[in-house]
């Protein structure tokens, strides 16, 4: 039950705050999003161009992201 509540809170946060801010602040074009599978394991990597990459990727990626970082 706790995992389900955390997932619901996560998606409510992402879809309300991040999507709202992104729609106001940015003009974006997303290419290739249809190639991301909806289920199963995925390793998604990116090169960071700015500190805004993480929130932007969280807002546009169609799945929940579990972040991993290394110094």
N, C-alpha and C. Protein backbone atom coordinates (compact mmCIF):
# COMPACT_ATOMS: atom_id res chain seq x y z
N UNK A 1 0.83 -1.20 0.00
CA UNK A 1 0.00 0.00 0.00
C UNK A 1 0.87 1.26 0.00
N UNK A 2 1.98 1.19 0.77
CA UNK A 2 2.87 2.35 0.84
C UNK A 2 3.48 2.65 -0.52
N UNK A 3 3.88 1.61 -1.26
CA UNK A 3 4.44 1.81 -2.61
C UNK A 3 3.42 2.45 -3.54
N UNK A 4 2.19 2.02 -3.44
CA UNK A 4 1.15 2.58 -4.30
C UNK A 4 0.93 4.07 -3.99
N UNK A 5 0.92 4.43 -2.71
CA UNK A 5 0.75 5.83 -2.34
C UNK A 5 1.93 6.68 -2.81
N UNK A 6 3.14 6.13 -2.71
CA UNK A 6 4.32 6.85 -3.19
C UNK A 6 4.25 7.04 -4.70
N UNK A 7 3.79 6.04 -5.43
CA UNK A 7 3.66 6.16 -6.88
C UNK A 7 2.62 7.20 -7.24
N UNK A 8 1.49 7.18 -6.56
CA UNK A 8 0.44 8.18 -6.82
C UNK A 8 0.96 9.58 -6.54
N UNK A 9 1.63 9.76 -5.40
CA UNK A 9 2.17 11.08 -5.07
C UNK A 9 3.19 11.53 -6.10
N UNK A 10 4.05 10.60 -6.54
CA UNK A 10 5.06 10.93 -7.55
C UNK A 10 4.40 11.44 -8.82
N UNK A 11 3.45 10.69 -9.34
CA UNK A 11 2.82 11.08 -10.59
C UNK A 11 2.00 12.36 -10.46
N UNK A 12 1.35 12.56 -9.33
CA UNK A 12 0.63 13.81 -9.12
C UNK A 12 1.60 14.99 -9.13
N UNK A 13 2.75 14.80 -8.49
CA UNK A 13 3.76 15.86 -8.47
C UNK A 13 4.29 16.14 -9.87
N UNK A 14 4.63 15.08 -10.59
CA UNK A 14 5.19 15.24 -11.93
C UNK A 14 4.18 15.89 -12.86
N UNK A 15 3.01 15.32 -12.92
CA UNK A 15 2.04 15.77 -13.91
C UNK A 15 1.44 17.13 -13.59
N UNK A 16 1.43 17.53 -12.35
CA UNK A 16 0.89 18.86 -12.06
C UNK A 16 1.97 19.92 -12.09
N UNK A 17 2.97 19.81 -11.26
CA UNK A 17 3.96 20.87 -11.13
C UNK A 17 4.95 20.94 -12.29
N UNK A 18 5.58 19.85 -12.59
CA UNK A 18 6.60 19.88 -13.63
C UNK A 18 5.98 20.17 -14.98
N UNK A 19 4.88 19.49 -15.32
CA UNK A 19 4.22 19.73 -16.61
C UNK A 19 3.72 21.17 -16.70
N UNK A 20 3.16 21.69 -15.62
CA UNK A 20 2.67 23.06 -15.63
C UNK A 20 3.81 24.05 -15.87
N UNK A 21 4.88 23.89 -15.13
CA UNK A 21 6.03 24.79 -15.28
C UNK A 21 6.64 24.67 -16.67
N UNK A 22 6.79 23.44 -17.16
CA UNK A 22 7.35 23.25 -18.50
C UNK A 22 6.47 23.88 -19.57
N UNK A 23 5.17 23.75 -19.44
CA UNK A 23 4.30 24.32 -20.46
C UNK A 23 4.33 25.85 -20.45
N UNK A 24 4.58 26.45 -19.30
CA UNK A 24 4.64 27.91 -19.21
C UNK A 24 6.00 28.44 -19.67
N UNK A 25 7.06 27.78 -19.27
CA UNK A 25 8.41 28.30 -19.45
C UNK A 25 9.04 27.90 -20.79
N UNK A 26 8.73 26.71 -21.29
CA UNK A 26 9.45 26.21 -22.45
C UNK A 26 8.55 26.03 -23.66
N UNK A 27 9.20 26.00 -24.79
CA UNK A 27 8.56 25.60 -26.04
C UNK A 27 9.36 24.40 -26.51
N UNK A 28 8.79 23.22 -26.42
CA UNK A 28 9.58 22.01 -26.66
C UNK A 28 9.03 21.19 -27.83
N UNK A 29 9.93 20.46 -28.44
CA UNK A 29 9.59 19.51 -29.48
C UNK A 29 10.19 18.18 -29.07
N UNK A 30 9.37 17.17 -28.97
CA UNK A 30 9.81 15.85 -28.53
C UNK A 30 9.78 14.92 -29.73
N UNK A 31 10.92 14.32 -30.02
CA UNK A 31 11.03 13.38 -31.14
C UNK A 31 11.38 12.00 -30.61
N UNK A 32 10.75 10.97 -31.17
CA UNK A 32 11.08 9.59 -30.83
C UNK A 32 10.44 9.06 -29.57
N UNK A 33 9.52 9.80 -28.97
CA UNK A 33 8.89 9.35 -27.74
C UNK A 33 8.06 8.07 -27.96
N UNK A 34 7.59 7.87 -29.17
CA UNK A 34 6.81 6.66 -29.47
C UNK A 34 7.67 5.40 -29.44
N UNK A 35 8.98 5.53 -29.46
CA UNK A 35 9.89 4.38 -29.43
C UNK A 35 10.18 3.88 -28.02
N UNK A 36 9.73 4.58 -27.01
CA UNK A 36 9.96 4.18 -25.63
C UNK A 36 8.88 3.17 -25.23
N UNK A 37 9.28 1.93 -24.86
CA UNK A 37 8.27 0.94 -24.47
C UNK A 37 7.55 1.35 -23.18
N UNK A 38 6.26 1.07 -23.13
CA UNK A 38 5.46 1.42 -21.94
C UNK A 38 5.70 0.48 -20.77
N UNK A 39 6.14 -0.72 -21.03
CA UNK A 39 6.37 -1.71 -19.97
C UNK A 39 7.73 -2.37 -20.16
N UNK A 40 8.23 -2.96 -19.09
CA UNK A 40 9.51 -3.66 -19.16
C UNK A 40 10.66 -2.75 -18.76
N UNK A 41 11.83 -3.32 -18.71
CA UNK A 41 13.01 -2.58 -18.29
C UNK A 41 13.56 -1.68 -19.39
N UNK A 42 14.01 -0.52 -18.99
CA UNK A 42 14.61 0.44 -19.92
C UNK A 42 15.77 1.13 -19.21
N UNK A 43 16.88 1.25 -19.89
CA UNK A 43 17.98 2.07 -19.38
C UNK A 43 18.02 3.31 -20.25
N UNK A 44 17.80 4.44 -19.63
CA UNK A 44 17.73 5.71 -20.33
C UNK A 44 18.93 6.54 -19.88
N UNK A 45 19.76 6.96 -20.82
CA UNK A 45 20.93 7.77 -20.47
C UNK A 45 20.85 9.10 -21.19
N UNK A 46 21.51 10.08 -20.62
CA UNK A 46 21.53 11.39 -21.28
C UNK A 46 22.81 12.12 -20.91
N UNK A 47 23.18 13.04 -21.75
CA UNK A 47 24.27 13.97 -21.45
C UNK A 47 23.63 15.23 -20.90
N UNK A 48 24.15 15.72 -19.80
CA UNK A 48 23.54 16.89 -19.18
C UNK A 48 24.08 18.16 -19.84
N UNK A 49 23.16 18.94 -20.36
CA UNK A 49 23.51 20.23 -20.93
C UNK A 49 23.31 21.36 -19.93
N UNK A 50 22.45 21.12 -18.91
CA UNK A 50 22.21 22.13 -17.89
C UNK A 50 21.64 21.44 -16.64
N UNK A 51 21.45 22.18 -15.58
CA UNK A 51 20.87 21.62 -14.37
C UNK A 51 19.37 21.40 -14.53
N UNK A 52 18.79 21.93 -15.59
CA UNK A 52 17.36 21.75 -15.84
C UNK A 52 17.02 20.45 -16.53
N UNK A 53 18.03 19.66 -16.89
CA UNK A 53 17.77 18.42 -17.62
C UNK A 53 16.90 17.45 -16.83
N UNK A 54 17.20 17.25 -15.57
CA UNK A 54 16.45 16.26 -14.78
C UNK A 54 14.97 16.58 -14.69
N UNK A 55 14.57 17.79 -14.31
CA UNK A 55 13.13 18.07 -14.26
C UNK A 55 12.47 18.01 -15.64
N UNK A 56 13.18 18.44 -16.66
CA UNK A 56 12.60 18.41 -18.00
C UNK A 56 12.40 16.97 -18.45
N UNK A 57 13.41 16.13 -18.25
CA UNK A 57 13.28 14.72 -18.64
C UNK A 57 12.19 14.02 -17.83
N UNK A 58 12.08 14.35 -16.57
CA UNK A 58 11.03 13.76 -15.75
C UNK A 58 9.66 14.16 -16.26
N UNK A 59 9.53 15.39 -16.74
CA UNK A 59 8.25 15.86 -17.23
C UNK A 59 7.85 15.30 -18.58
N UNK A 60 8.82 15.01 -19.44
CA UNK A 60 8.47 14.57 -20.79
C UNK A 60 8.55 13.06 -20.98
N UNK A 61 9.26 12.36 -20.09
CA UNK A 61 9.41 10.92 -20.23
C UNK A 61 8.09 10.25 -19.86
N UNK A 62 7.56 9.35 -20.69
CA UNK A 62 6.22 8.80 -20.44
C UNK A 62 6.15 7.74 -19.35
N UNK A 63 7.26 7.47 -18.67
CA UNK A 63 7.30 6.49 -17.60
C UNK A 63 7.91 7.09 -16.35
N UNK A 64 7.75 6.39 -15.24
CA UNK A 64 8.39 6.84 -14.01
C UNK A 64 9.89 6.61 -14.13
N UNK A 65 10.67 7.59 -13.72
CA UNK A 65 12.12 7.49 -13.79
C UNK A 65 12.67 7.27 -12.39
N UNK A 66 13.54 6.27 -12.24
CA UNK A 66 14.30 6.07 -11.01
C UNK A 66 15.71 6.54 -11.31
N UNK A 67 16.11 7.65 -10.71
CA UNK A 67 17.39 8.29 -11.05
C UNK A 67 18.54 7.60 -10.37
N UNK A 68 19.64 7.52 -11.07
CA UNK A 68 20.90 7.02 -10.53
C UNK A 68 21.98 7.97 -11.01
N UNK A 69 22.87 8.34 -10.12
CA UNK A 69 23.92 9.30 -10.49
C UNK A 69 25.25 8.85 -9.93
N UNK A 70 26.30 9.34 -10.54
CA UNK A 70 27.64 9.06 -10.07
C UNK A 70 28.45 10.34 -10.16
N UNK A 71 29.27 10.56 -9.18
CA UNK A 71 30.09 11.76 -9.16
C UNK A 71 31.19 11.69 -10.18
